[in-house]
Amino acid sequence: MNNRLERISDEAILGGVCAGIARYFGINRTVVRLLFLIGIPLPGFPAFLIYIILWIAMPKQPQGASVNSLT
């Protein structure tokens, strides 16, 4: 298990944030992506803003780092 929260560009659709969160918590990255998509239109959950902040704040995974992929 990866103990660092970092963006994973190899598994990214946009910025690698959802893939990084999924790998950190050991869950399927599709679930994390769906939660962000569901949260975007909700007025009380600023999912888009949270995603952008995480995209800026999370470090990018080093190139060539070996990790186990979760689908």
PDB file of N, CA and C in Angstrom:
ATOM      1  N   MET A   1       0.838  -1.187   0.000  1.00  0.00           N
ATOM      2  CA  MET A   1       0.000   0.000   0.000  1.00  0.00           C
ATOM      3  C   MET A   1       0.885   1.252   0.000  1.00  0.00           C
ATOM      4  N   ASN A   2       0.480   2.200  -0.788  1.00  0.00           N
ATOM      5  CA  ASN A   2       1.219   3.446  -0.898  1.00  0.00           C
ATOM      6  C   ASN A   2       0.821   4.368   0.253  1.00  0.00           C
ATOM      7  N   ASN A   3       1.788   4.847   1.025  1.00  0.00           N
ATOM      8  CA  ASN A   3       1.489   5.694   2.172  1.00  0.00           C
ATOM      9  C   ASN A   3       1.455   7.172   1.830  1.00  0.00           C
ATOM     10  N   ARG A   4       1.774   7.529   0.580  1.00  0.00           N
ATOM     11  CA  ARG A   4       1.782   8.930   0.171  1.00  0.00           C
ATOM     12  C   ARG A   4       0.564   9.226  -0.699  1.00  0.00           C
ATOM     13  N   LEU A   5      -0.018  10.384  -0.473  1.00  0.00           N
ATOM     14  CA  LEU A   5      -1.115  10.847  -1.309  1.00  0.00           C
ATOM     15  C   LEU A   5      -0.503  11.660  -2.439  1.00  0.00           C
ATOM     16  N   GLU A   6      -0.518  11.097  -3.657  1.00  0.00           N
ATOM     17  CA  GLU A   6       0.083  11.766  -4.789  1.00  0.00           C
ATOM     18  C   GLU A   6      -0.719  11.492  -6.060  1.00  0.00           C
ATOM     19  N   ARG A   7      -0.645  12.438  -7.004  1.00  0.00           N
ATOM     20  CA  ARG A   7      -1.332  12.291  -8.284  1.00  0.00           C
ATOM     21  C   ARG A   7      -0.648  11.213  -9.104  1.00  0.00           C
ATOM     22  N   ILE A   8      -1.438  10.423  -9.816  1.00  0.00           N
ATOM     23  CA  ILE A   8      -0.900   9.337 -10.617  1.00  0.00           C
ATOM     24  C   ILE A   8      -1.233   9.626 -12.075  1.00  0.00           C
ATOM     25  N   SER A   9      -0.268  10.127 -12.797  1.00  0.00           N
ATOM     26  CA  SER A   9      -0.516  10.531 -14.177  1.00  0.00           C
ATOM     27  C   SER A   9      -0.685   9.347 -15.124  1.00  0.00           C
ATOM     28  N   ASP A  10      -0.139   8.194 -14.787  1.00  0.00           N
ATOM     29  CA  ASP A  10      -0.274   7.020 -15.646  1.00  0.00           C
ATOM     30  C   ASP A  10      -1.720   6.520 -15.714  1.00  0.00           C
ATOM     31  N   GLU A  11      -2.485   6.747 -14.675  1.00  0.00           N
ATOM     32  CA  GLU A  11      -3.868   6.279 -14.606  1.00  0.00           C
ATOM     33  C   GLU A  11      -4.853   7.444 -14.667  1.00  0.00           C
ATOM     34  N   ALA A  12      -4.392   8.588 -15.089  1.00  0.00           N
ATOM     35  CA  ALA A  12      -5.201   9.803 -15.049  1.00  0.00           C
ATOM     36  C   ALA A  12      -6.130   9.923 -16.239  1.00  0.00           C
ATOM     37  N   ILE A  13      -7.289  10.500 -15.996  1.00  0.00           N
ATOM     38  CA  ILE A  13      -8.160  10.946 -17.063  1.00  0.00           C
ATOM     39  C   ILE A  13      -7.974  12.444 -17.232  1.00  0.00           C
ATOM     40  N   LEU A  14      -7.901  13.150 -16.130  1.00  0.00           N
ATOM     41  CA  LEU A  14      -7.687  14.593 -16.189  1.00  0.00           C
ATOM     42  C   LEU A  14      -6.365  14.961 -15.520  1.00  0.00           C
ATOM     43  N   GLY A  15      -6.300  14.843 -14.203  1.00  0.00           N
ATOM     44  CA  GLY A  15      -5.087  15.254 -13.503  1.00  0.00           C
ATOM     45  C   GLY A  15      -4.455  14.172 -12.655  1.00  0.00           C
ATOM     46  N   GLY A  16      -5.101  13.032 -12.501  1.00  0.00           N
ATOM     47  CA  GLY A  16      -4.564  11.961 -11.679  1.00  0.00           C
ATOM     48  C   GLY A  16      -4.964  12.040 -10.221  1.00  0.00           C
ATOM     49  N   VAL A  17      -5.811  13.012  -9.868  1.00  0.00           N
ATOM     50  CA  VAL A  17      -6.216  13.205  -8.481  1.00  0.00           C
ATOM     51  C   VAL A  17      -7.064  12.028  -7.990  1.00  0.00           C
ATOM     52  N   CYS A  18      -8.072  11.646  -8.745  1.00  0.00           N
ATOM     53  CA  CYS A  18      -8.959  10.554  -8.317  1.00  0.00           C
ATOM     54  C   CYS A  18      -8.213   9.230  -8.225  1.00  0.00           C
ATOM     55  N   ALA A  19      -7.319   8.972  -9.175  1.00  0.00           N
ATOM     56  CA  ALA A  19      -6.522   7.742  -9.130  1.00  0.00           C
ATOM     57  C   ALA A  19      -5.614   7.735  -7.902  1.00  0.00           C
ATOM     58  N   GLY A  20      -5.056   8.886  -7.571  1.00  0.00           N
ATOM     59  CA  GLY A  20      -4.203   8.974  -6.384  1.00  0.00           C
ATOM     60  C   GLY A  20      -4.973   8.781  -5.094  1.00  0.00           C
ATOM     61  N   ILE A  21      -6.144   9.385  -5.011  1.00  0.00           N
ATOM     62  CA  ILE A  21      -6.989   9.212  -3.819  1.00  0.00           C
ATOM     63  C   ILE A  21      -7.422   7.759  -3.688  1.00  0.00           C
ATOM     64  N   ALA A  22      -7.814   7.155  -4.793  1.00  0.00           N
ATOM     65  CA  ALA A  22      -8.248   5.753  -4.769  1.00  0.00           C
ATOM     66  C   ALA A  22      -7.116   4.830  -4.322  1.00  0.00           C
ATOM     67  N   ARG A  23      -5.927   5.052  -4.842  1.00  0.00           N
ATOM     68  CA  ARG A  23      -4.797   4.210  -4.460  1.00  0.00           C
ATOM     69  C   ARG A  23      -4.445   4.409  -2.987  1.00  0.00           C
ATOM     70  N   TYR A  24      -4.503   5.641  -2.504  1.00  0.00           N
ATOM     71  CA  TYR A  24      -4.178   5.934  -1.108  1.00  0.00           C
ATOM     72  C   TYR A  24      -5.123   5.209  -0.151  1.00  0.00           C
ATOM     73  N   PHE A  25      -6.428   5.213  -0.477  1.00  0.00           N
ATOM     74  CA  PHE A  25      -7.413   4.580   0.395  1.00  0.00           C
ATOM     75  C   PHE A  25      -7.685   3.120   0.036  1.00  0.00           C
ATOM     76  N   GLY A  26      -7.086   2.612  -1.027  1.00  0.00           N
ATOM     77  CA  GLY A  26      -7.242   1.216  -1.408  1.00  0.00           C
ATOM     78  C   GLY A  26      -8.615   0.887  -1.966  1.00  0.00           C
ATOM     79  N   ILE A  27      -9.205   1.833  -2.695  1.00  0.00           N
ATOM     80  CA  ILE A  27     -10.522   1.597  -3.292  1.00  0.00           C
ATOM     81  C   ILE A  27     -10.426   1.766  -4.807  1.00  0.00           C
ATOM     82  N   ASN A  28     -11.494   1.429  -5.485  1.00  0.00           N
ATOM     83  CA  ASN A  28     -11.551   1.517  -6.927  1.00  0.00           C
ATOM     84  C   ASN A  28     -11.581   2.978  -7.362  1.00  0.00           C
ATOM     85  N   ARG A  29     -10.756   3.331  -8.336  1.00  0.00           N
ATOM     86  CA  ARG A  29     -10.688   4.733  -8.764  1.00  0.00           C
ATOM     87  C   ARG A  29     -11.969   5.198  -9.439  1.00  0.00           C
ATOM     88  N   THR A  30     -12.741   4.264 -10.004  1.00  0.00           N
ATOM     89  CA  THR A  30     -14.019   4.627 -10.624  1.00  0.00           C
ATOM     90  C   THR A  30     -14.995   5.142  -9.574  1.00  0.00           C
ATOM     91  N   VAL A  31     -14.960   4.586  -8.390  1.00  0.00           N
ATOM     92  CA  VAL A  31     -15.834   5.044  -7.300  1.00  0.00           C
ATOM     93  C   VAL A  31     -15.499   6.487  -6.941  1.00  0.00           C
ATOM     94  N   VAL A  32     -14.228   6.795  -6.832  1.00  0.00           N
ATOM     95  CA  VAL A  32     -13.810   8.162  -6.494  1.00  0.00           C
ATOM     96  C   VAL A  32     -14.222   9.122  -7.604  1.00  0.00           C
ATOM     97  N   ARG A  33     -14.036   8.717  -8.840  1.00  0.00           N
ATOM     98  CA  ARG A  33     -14.437   9.568  -9.971  1.00  0.00           C
ATOM     99  C   ARG A  33     -15.937   9.823  -9.970  1.00  0.00           C
ATOM    100  N   LEU A  34     -16.711   8.784  -9.693  1.00  0.00           N
ATOM    101  CA  LEU A  34     -18.173   8.953  -9.639  1.00  0.00           C
ATOM    102  C   LEU A  34     -18.587   9.887  -8.509  1.00  0.00           C
ATOM    103  N   LEU A  35     -17.928   9.783  -7.367  1.00  0.00           N
ATOM    104  CA  LEU A  35     -18.249  10.682  -6.252  1.00  0.00           C
ATOM    105  C   LEU A  35     -17.983  12.136  -6.622  1.00  0.00           C
ATOM    106  N   PHE A  36     -16.882  12.394  -7.308  1.00  0.00           N
ATOM    107  CA  PHE A  36     -16.606  13.759  -7.757  1.00  0.00           C
ATOM    108  C   PHE A  36     -17.639  14.211  -8.780  1.00  0.00           C
ATOM    109  N   LEU A  37     -17.996  13.338  -9.714  1.00  0.00           N
ATOM    110  CA  LEU A  37     -18.989  13.710 -10.727  1.00  0.00           C
ATOM    111  C   LEU A  37     -20.363  13.969 -10.126  1.00  0.00           C
ATOM    112  N   ILE A  38     -20.744  13.164  -9.149  1.00  0.00           N
ATOM    113  CA  ILE A  38     -22.022  13.363  -8.479  1.00  0.00           C
ATOM    114  C   ILE A  38     -21.997  14.649  -7.669  1.00  0.00           C
ATOM    115  N   GLY A  39     -20.852  14.979  -7.095  1.00  0.00           N
ATOM    116  CA  GLY A  39     -20.739  16.157  -6.248  1.00  0.00           C
ATOM    117  C   GLY A  39     -20.650  17.472  -6.986  1.00  0.00           C
ATOM    118  N   ILE A  40     -20.334  17.446  -8.266  1.00  0.00           N
ATOM    119  CA  ILE A  40     -20.187  18.701  -9.015  1.00  0.00           C
ATOM    120  C   ILE A  40     -21.472  19.528  -9.042  1.00  0.00           C
ATOM    121  N   PRO A  41     -22.637  18.974  -9.370  1.00  0.00           N
ATOM    122  CA  PRO A  41     -23.836  19.831  -9.445  1.00  0.00           C
ATOM    123  C   PRO A  41     -24.461  20.167  -8.093  1.00  0.00           C
ATOM    124  N   LEU A  42     -24.039  19.520  -7.033  1.00  0.00           N
ATOM    125  CA  LEU A  42     -24.627  19.782  -5.729  1.00  0.00           C
ATOM    126  C   LEU A  42     -24.138  21.122  -5.178  1.00  0.00           C
ATOM    127  N   PRO A  43     -25.055  21.981  -4.730  1.00  0.00           N
ATOM    128  CA  PRO A  43     -24.640  23.309  -4.265  1.00  0.00           C
ATOM    129  C   PRO A  43     -23.836  23.289  -2.957  1.00  0.00           C
ATOM    130  N   GLY A  44     -24.040  22.323  -2.089  1.00  0.00           N
ATOM    131  CA  GLY A  44     -23.347  22.277  -0.808  1.00  0.00           C
ATOM    132  C   GLY A  44     -22.014  21.556  -0.856  1.00  0.00           C
ATOM    133  N   PHE A  45     -21.651  20.977  -2.000  1.00  0.00           N
ATOM    134  CA  PHE A  45     -20.412  20.220  -2.113  1.00  0.00           C
ATOM    135  C   PHE A  45     -19.625  20.731  -3.301  1.00  0.00           C
ATOM    136  N   PRO A  46     -18.682  21.616  -3.083  1.00  0.00           N
ATOM    137  CA  PRO A  46     -17.923  22.211  -4.187  1.00  0.00           C
ATOM    138  C   PRO A  46     -16.856  21.262  -4.737  1.00  0.00           C
ATOM    139  N   ALA A  47     -17.298  20.173  -5.366  1.00  0.00           N
ATOM    140  CA  ALA A  47     -16.382  19.130  -5.821  1.00  0.00           C
ATOM    141  C   ALA A  47     -15.384  19.647  -6.849  1.00  0.00           C
ATOM    142  N   PHE A  48     -15.827  20.504  -7.743  1.00  0.00           N
ATOM    143  CA  PHE A  48     -14.919  21.015  -8.762  1.00  0.00           C
ATOM    144  C   PHE A  48     -13.791  21.825  -8.136  1.00  0.00           C
ATOM    145  N   LEU A  49     -14.129  22.667  -7.180  1.00  0.00           N
ATOM    146  CA  LEU A  49     -13.124  23.479  -6.496  1.00  0.00           C
ATOM    147  C   LEU A  49     -12.168  22.596  -5.690  1.00  0.00           C
ATOM    148  N   ILE A  50     -12.688  21.604  -5.021  1.00  0.00           N
ATOM    149  CA  ILE A  50     -11.863  20.668  -4.253  1.00  0.00           C
ATOM    150  C   ILE A  50     -10.899  19.936  -5.189  1.00  0.00           C
ATOM    151  N   TYR A  51     -11.405  19.504  -6.355  1.00  0.00           N
ATOM    152  CA  TYR A  51     -10.560  18.803  -7.318  1.00  0.00           C
ATOM    153  C   TYR A  51      -9.406  19.695  -7.786  1.00  0.00           C
ATOM    154  N   ILE A  52      -9.713  20.938  -8.120  1.00  0.00           N
ATOM    155  CA  ILE A  52      -8.683  21.865  -8.596  1.00  0.00           C
ATOM    156  C   ILE A  52      -7.634  22.118  -7.502  1.00  0.00           C
ATOM    157  N   ILE A  53      -8.083  22.301  -6.264  1.00  0.00           N
ATOM    158  CA  ILE A  53      -7.151  22.520  -5.151  1.00  0.00           C
ATOM    159  C   ILE A  53      -6.254  21.295  -4.948  1.00  0.00           C
ATOM    160  N   LEU A  54      -6.851  20.099  -5.003  1.00  0.00           N
ATOM    161  CA  LEU A  54      -6.055  18.881  -4.855  1.00  0.00           C
ATOM    162  C   LEU A  54      -5.081  18.711  -6.014  1.00  0.00           C
ATOM    163  N   TRP A  55      -5.504  19.076  -7.216  1.00  0.00           N
ATOM    164  CA  TRP A  55      -4.646  18.974  -8.388  1.00  0.00           C
ATOM    165  C   TRP A  55      -3.387  19.836  -8.203  1.00  0.00           C
ATOM    166  N   ILE A  56      -3.576  21.009  -7.611  1.00  0.00           N
ATOM    167  CA  ILE A  56      -2.450  21.911  -7.371  1.00  0.00           C
ATOM    168  C   ILE A  56      -1.610  21.447  -6.173  1.00  0.00           C
ATOM    169  N   ALA A  57      -2.271  20.993  -5.114  1.00  0.00           N
ATOM    170  CA  ALA A  57      -1.587  20.690  -3.854  1.00  0.00           C
ATOM    171  C   ALA A  57      -0.918  19.314  -3.817  1.00  0.00           C
ATOM    172  N   MET A  58      -1.488  18.326  -4.499  1.00  0.00           N
ATOM    173  CA  MET A  58      -0.935  16.970  -4.439  1.00  0.00           C
ATOM    174  C   MET A  58       0.317  16.863  -5.295  1.00  0.00           C
ATOM    175  N   PRO A  59       1.380  16.277  -4.742  1.00  0.00           N
ATOM    176  CA  PRO A  59       2.579  16.085  -5.554  1.00  0.00           C
ATOM    177  C   PRO A  59       2.341  15.005  -6.608  1.00  0.00           C
ATOM    178  N   LYS A  60       3.035  15.113  -7.713  1.00  0.00           N
ATOM    179  CA  LYS A  60       2.922  14.135  -8.780  1.00  0.00           C
ATOM    180  C   LYS A  60       3.813  12.942  -8.467  1.00  0.00           C
ATOM    181  N   GLN A  61       3.324  11.749  -8.755  1.00  0.00           N
ATOM    182  CA  GLN A  61       4.101  10.538  -8.524  1.00  0.00           C
ATOM    183  C   GLN A  61       5.348  10.559  -9.402  1.00  0.00           C
ATOM    184  N   PRO A  62       6.499  10.201  -8.857  1.00  0.00           N
ATOM    185  CA  PRO A  62       7.727  10.188  -9.659  1.00  0.00           C
ATOM    186  C   PRO A  62       7.610   9.225 -10.830  1.00  0.00           C
ATOM    187  N   GLN A  63       8.228   9.566 -11.952  1.00  0.00           N
ATOM    188  CA  GLN A  63       8.216   8.708 -13.134  1.00  0.00           C
ATOM    189  C   GLN A  63       8.925   7.404 -12.825  1.00  0.00           C
ATOM    190  N   GLY A  64       8.338   6.314 -13.297  1.00  0.00           N
ATOM    191  CA  GLY A  64       8.960   5.009 -13.140  1.00  0.00           C
ATOM    192  C   GLY A  64       8.761   4.377 -11.764  1.00  0.00           C
ATOM    193  N   ALA A  65       7.945   4.980 -10.914  1.00  0.00           N
ATOM    194  CA  ALA A  65       7.692   4.404  -9.592  1.00  0.00           C
ATOM    195  C   ALA A  65       6.807   3.183  -9.760  1.00  0.00           C
ATOM    196  N   SER A  66       7.190   2.093  -9.156  1.00  0.00           N
ATOM    197  CA  SER A  66       6.400   0.862  -9.273  1.00  0.00           C
ATOM    198  C   SER A  66       5.329   0.838  -8.193  1.00  0.00           C
ATOM    199  N   VAL A  67       4.091   0.671  -8.629  1.00  0.00           N
ATOM    200  CA  VAL A  67       2.952   0.599  -7.724  1.00  0.00           C
ATOM    201  C   VAL A  67       1.966  -0.412  -8.271  1.00  0.00           C
ATOM    202  N   ASN A  68       1.157  -0.944  -7.389  1.00  0.00           N
ATOM    203  CA  ASN A  68       0.114  -1.877  -7.808  1.00  0.00           C
ATOM    204  C   ASN A  68      -1.099  -1.091  -8.253  1.00  0.00           C
ATOM    205  N   SER A  69      -1.632  -1.416  -9.409  1.00  0.00           N
ATOM    206  CA  SER A  69      -2.754  -0.674  -9.969  1.00  0.00           C
ATOM    207  C   SER A  69      -4.074  -1.263  -9.488  1.00  0.00           C
ATOM    208  N   LEU A  70      -4.983  -0.394  -9.069  1.00  0.00           N
ATOM    209  CA  LEU A  70      -6.351  -0.787  -8.754  1.00  0.00           C
ATOM    210  C   LEU A  70      -7.230  -0.341  -9.900  1.00  0.00           C
ATOM    211  N   THR A  71      -8.123  -1.189 -10.326  1.00  0.00           N
ATOM    212  CA  THR A  71      -9.011  -0.819 -11.437  1.00  0.00           C
ATOM    213  C   THR A  71     -10.346  -0.377 -10.950  1.00  0.00           C
TER     214      THR A  71
END
